[in-house]
Amino acid sequence: MQNRNTTAVSMLATLGYPLPCIRKALHKLTGLSQPELARRLGVSRPTVTATIDGSRSSNEIKSAIAEAFEVPVEVLFEPKPKLPEA
């Protein structure tokens, strides 16, 4: 069974919202600020911001962020499509 955060992410994705916007919306939904999230994860706020914006791709941090928001990592951070081999 999905929790309300997972349901919200799925609904926003269905409506066509880009994932970085959805990840930012989770801060409002959960009341968990980026500085507080960074403290919980033991990383800097810029690291959290870069991961949420998609410019950083640490699987460990992605997993920790998804866990903090109680959303499956594969829903919150889609894997980048693989390029076809030549």
C-alpha atoms as a PDB file:
ATOM      1  CA  MET A   1       0.000   0.000   0.000  1.00  0.00           C
ATOM      2  CA  GLN A   2       1.292   3.456  -0.886  1.00  0.00           C
ATOM      3  CA  ASN A   3       1.680   6.200   1.684  1.00  0.00           C
ATOM      4  CA  ARG A   4       0.453   9.740   1.035  1.00  0.00           C
ATOM      5  CA  ASN A   5       3.881  10.966  -0.124  1.00  0.00           C
ATOM      6  CA  THR A   6       4.191   8.214  -2.728  1.00  0.00           C
ATOM      7  CA  THR A   7       0.628   8.886  -3.876  1.00  0.00           C
ATOM      8  CA  ALA A   8       1.357  12.622  -4.185  1.00  0.00           C
ATOM      9  CA  VAL A   9       4.532  11.974  -6.206  1.00  0.00           C
ATOM     10  CA  SER A  10       2.673   9.589  -8.521  1.00  0.00           C
ATOM     11  CA  MET A  11      -0.174  12.054  -9.059  1.00  0.00           C
ATOM     12  CA  LEU A  12       2.193  14.956  -9.820  1.00  0.00           C
ATOM     13  CA  ALA A  13       4.160  12.779 -12.256  1.00  0.00           C
ATOM     14  CA  THR A  14       0.922  11.773 -13.981  1.00  0.00           C
ATOM     15  CA  LEU A  15       0.074  15.462 -14.360  1.00  0.00           C
ATOM     16  CA  GLY A  16       3.417  16.006 -16.093  1.00  0.00           C
ATOM     17  CA  TYR A  17       5.384  17.759 -13.365  1.00  0.00           C
ATOM     18  CA  PRO A  18       9.152  17.274 -13.791  1.00  0.00           C
ATOM     19  CA  LEU A  19      10.871  15.227 -11.072  1.00  0.00           C
ATOM     20  CA  PRO A  20      13.027  18.116  -9.734  1.00  0.00           C
ATOM     21  CA  CYS A  21       9.819  20.097  -9.097  1.00  0.00           C
ATOM     22  CA  ILE A  22       8.164  17.090  -7.472  1.00  0.00           C
ATOM     23  CA  ARG A  23      11.172  16.563  -5.195  1.00  0.00           C
ATOM     24  CA  LYS A  24      11.045  20.233  -4.178  1.00  0.00           C
ATOM     25  CA  ALA A  25       7.316  19.934  -3.467  1.00  0.00           C
ATOM     26  CA  LEU A  26       8.012  17.166  -0.938  1.00  0.00           C
ATOM     27  CA  HIS A  27       9.633  19.721   1.359  1.00  0.00           C
ATOM     28  CA  LYS A  28       6.304  21.554   1.597  1.00  0.00           C
ATOM     29  CA  LEU A  29       4.285  18.350   1.862  1.00  0.00           C
ATOM     30  CA  THR A  30       6.385  16.916   4.679  1.00  0.00           C
ATOM     31  CA  GLY A  31       7.492  20.121   6.414  1.00  0.00           C
ATOM     32  CA  LEU A  32      11.088  18.892   6.158  1.00  0.00           C
ATOM     33  CA  SER A  33      13.359  21.731   5.012  1.00  0.00           C
ATOM     34  CA  GLN A  34      16.540  21.201   3.014  1.00  0.00           C
ATOM     35  CA  PRO A  35      18.748  22.333   5.938  1.00  0.00           C
ATOM     36  CA  GLU A  36      16.959  19.903   8.290  1.00  0.00           C
ATOM     37  CA  LEU A  37      17.204  17.112   5.724  1.00  0.00           C
ATOM     38  CA  ALA A  38      20.938  17.809   5.338  1.00  0.00           C
ATOM     39  CA  ARG A  39      21.407  17.643   9.130  1.00  0.00           C
ATOM     40  CA  ARG A  40      19.564  14.315   9.298  1.00  0.00           C
ATOM     41  CA  LEU A  41      21.677  12.881   6.492  1.00  0.00           C
ATOM     42  CA  GLY A  42      24.968  14.288   7.776  1.00  0.00           C
ATOM     43  CA  VAL A  43      25.701  16.156   4.533  1.00  0.00           C
ATOM     44  CA  SER A  44      25.743  19.795   3.473  1.00  0.00           C
ATOM     45  CA  ARG A  45      22.645  21.632   2.302  1.00  0.00           C
ATOM     46  CA  PRO A  46      24.265  22.235  -1.124  1.00  0.00           C
ATOM     47  CA  THR A  47      24.687  18.459  -1.464  1.00  0.00           C
ATOM     48  CA  VAL A  48      20.981  17.938  -0.760  1.00  0.00           C
ATOM     49  CA  THR A  49      20.040  20.726  -3.182  1.00  0.00           C
ATOM     50  CA  ALA A  50      22.262  19.356  -5.962  1.00  0.00           C
ATOM     51  CA  THR A  51      20.829  15.863  -5.505  1.00  0.00           C
ATOM     52  CA  ILE A  52      17.239  17.134  -5.537  1.00  0.00           C
ATOM     53  CA  ASP A  53      17.919  19.273  -8.624  1.00  0.00           C
ATOM     54  CA  GLY A  54      19.440  16.269 -10.375  1.00  0.00           C
ATOM     55  CA  SER A  55      22.940  17.675 -10.827  1.00  0.00           C
ATOM     56  CA  ARG A  56      24.452  15.190  -8.362  1.00  0.00           C
ATOM     57  CA  SER A  57      23.968  11.460  -8.618  1.00  0.00           C
ATOM     58  CA  SER A  58      25.137   9.790  -5.417  1.00  0.00           C
ATOM     59  CA  ASN A  59      22.975   6.684  -5.033  1.00  0.00           C
ATOM     60  CA  GLU A  60      23.618   6.675  -1.291  1.00  0.00           C
ATOM     61  CA  ILE A  61      22.296  10.215  -0.855  1.00  0.00           C
ATOM     62  CA  LYS A  62      19.380   9.586  -3.214  1.00  0.00           C
ATOM     63  CA  SER A  63      18.406   6.555  -1.141  1.00  0.00           C
ATOM     64  CA  ALA A  64      18.670   8.508   2.103  1.00  0.00           C
ATOM     65  CA  ILE A  65      16.539  11.369   0.738  1.00  0.00           C
ATOM     66  CA  ALA A  66      13.889   8.955  -0.527  1.00  0.00           C
ATOM     67  CA  GLU A  67      13.850   7.198   2.836  1.00  0.00           C
ATOM     68  CA  ALA A  68      13.489  10.519   4.695  1.00  0.00           C
ATOM     69  CA  PHE A  69      10.469  11.376   2.530  1.00  0.00           C
ATOM     70  CA  GLU A  70       9.120   7.808   2.809  1.00  0.00           C
ATOM     71  CA  VAL A  71       9.041   7.413  -0.976  1.00  0.00           C
ATOM     72  CA  PRO A  72      10.662   4.593  -2.971  1.00  0.00           C
ATOM     73  CA  VAL A  73      13.950   5.759  -4.478  1.00  0.00           C
ATOM     74  CA  GLU A  74      12.966   4.535  -7.950  1.00  0.00           C
ATOM     75  CA  VAL A  75       9.860   6.759  -7.840  1.00  0.00           C
ATOM     76  CA  LEU A  76      11.707   9.846  -6.618  1.00  0.00           C
ATOM     77  CA  PHE A  77      14.860   9.411  -8.707  1.00  0.00           C
ATOM     78  CA  GLU A  78      14.225   7.690 -12.027  1.00  0.00           C
ATOM     79  CA  PRO A  79      17.298   6.007 -13.464  1.00  0.00           C
ATOM     80  CA  LYS A  80      18.786   7.846 -16.417  1.00  0.00           C
ATOM     81  CA  PRO A  81      18.045   6.055 -19.682  1.00  0.00           C
ATOM     82  CA  LYS A  82      20.950   4.062 -21.039  1.00  0.00           C
ATOM     83  CA  LEU A  83      22.312   5.093 -24.393  1.00  0.00           C
ATOM     84  CA  PRO A  84      22.117   2.401 -27.050  1.00  0.00           C
ATOM     85  CA  GLU A  85      25.355   0.630 -27.703  1.00  0.00           C
ATOM     86  CA  ALA A  86      26.956   1.268 -31.070  1.00  0.00           C
END
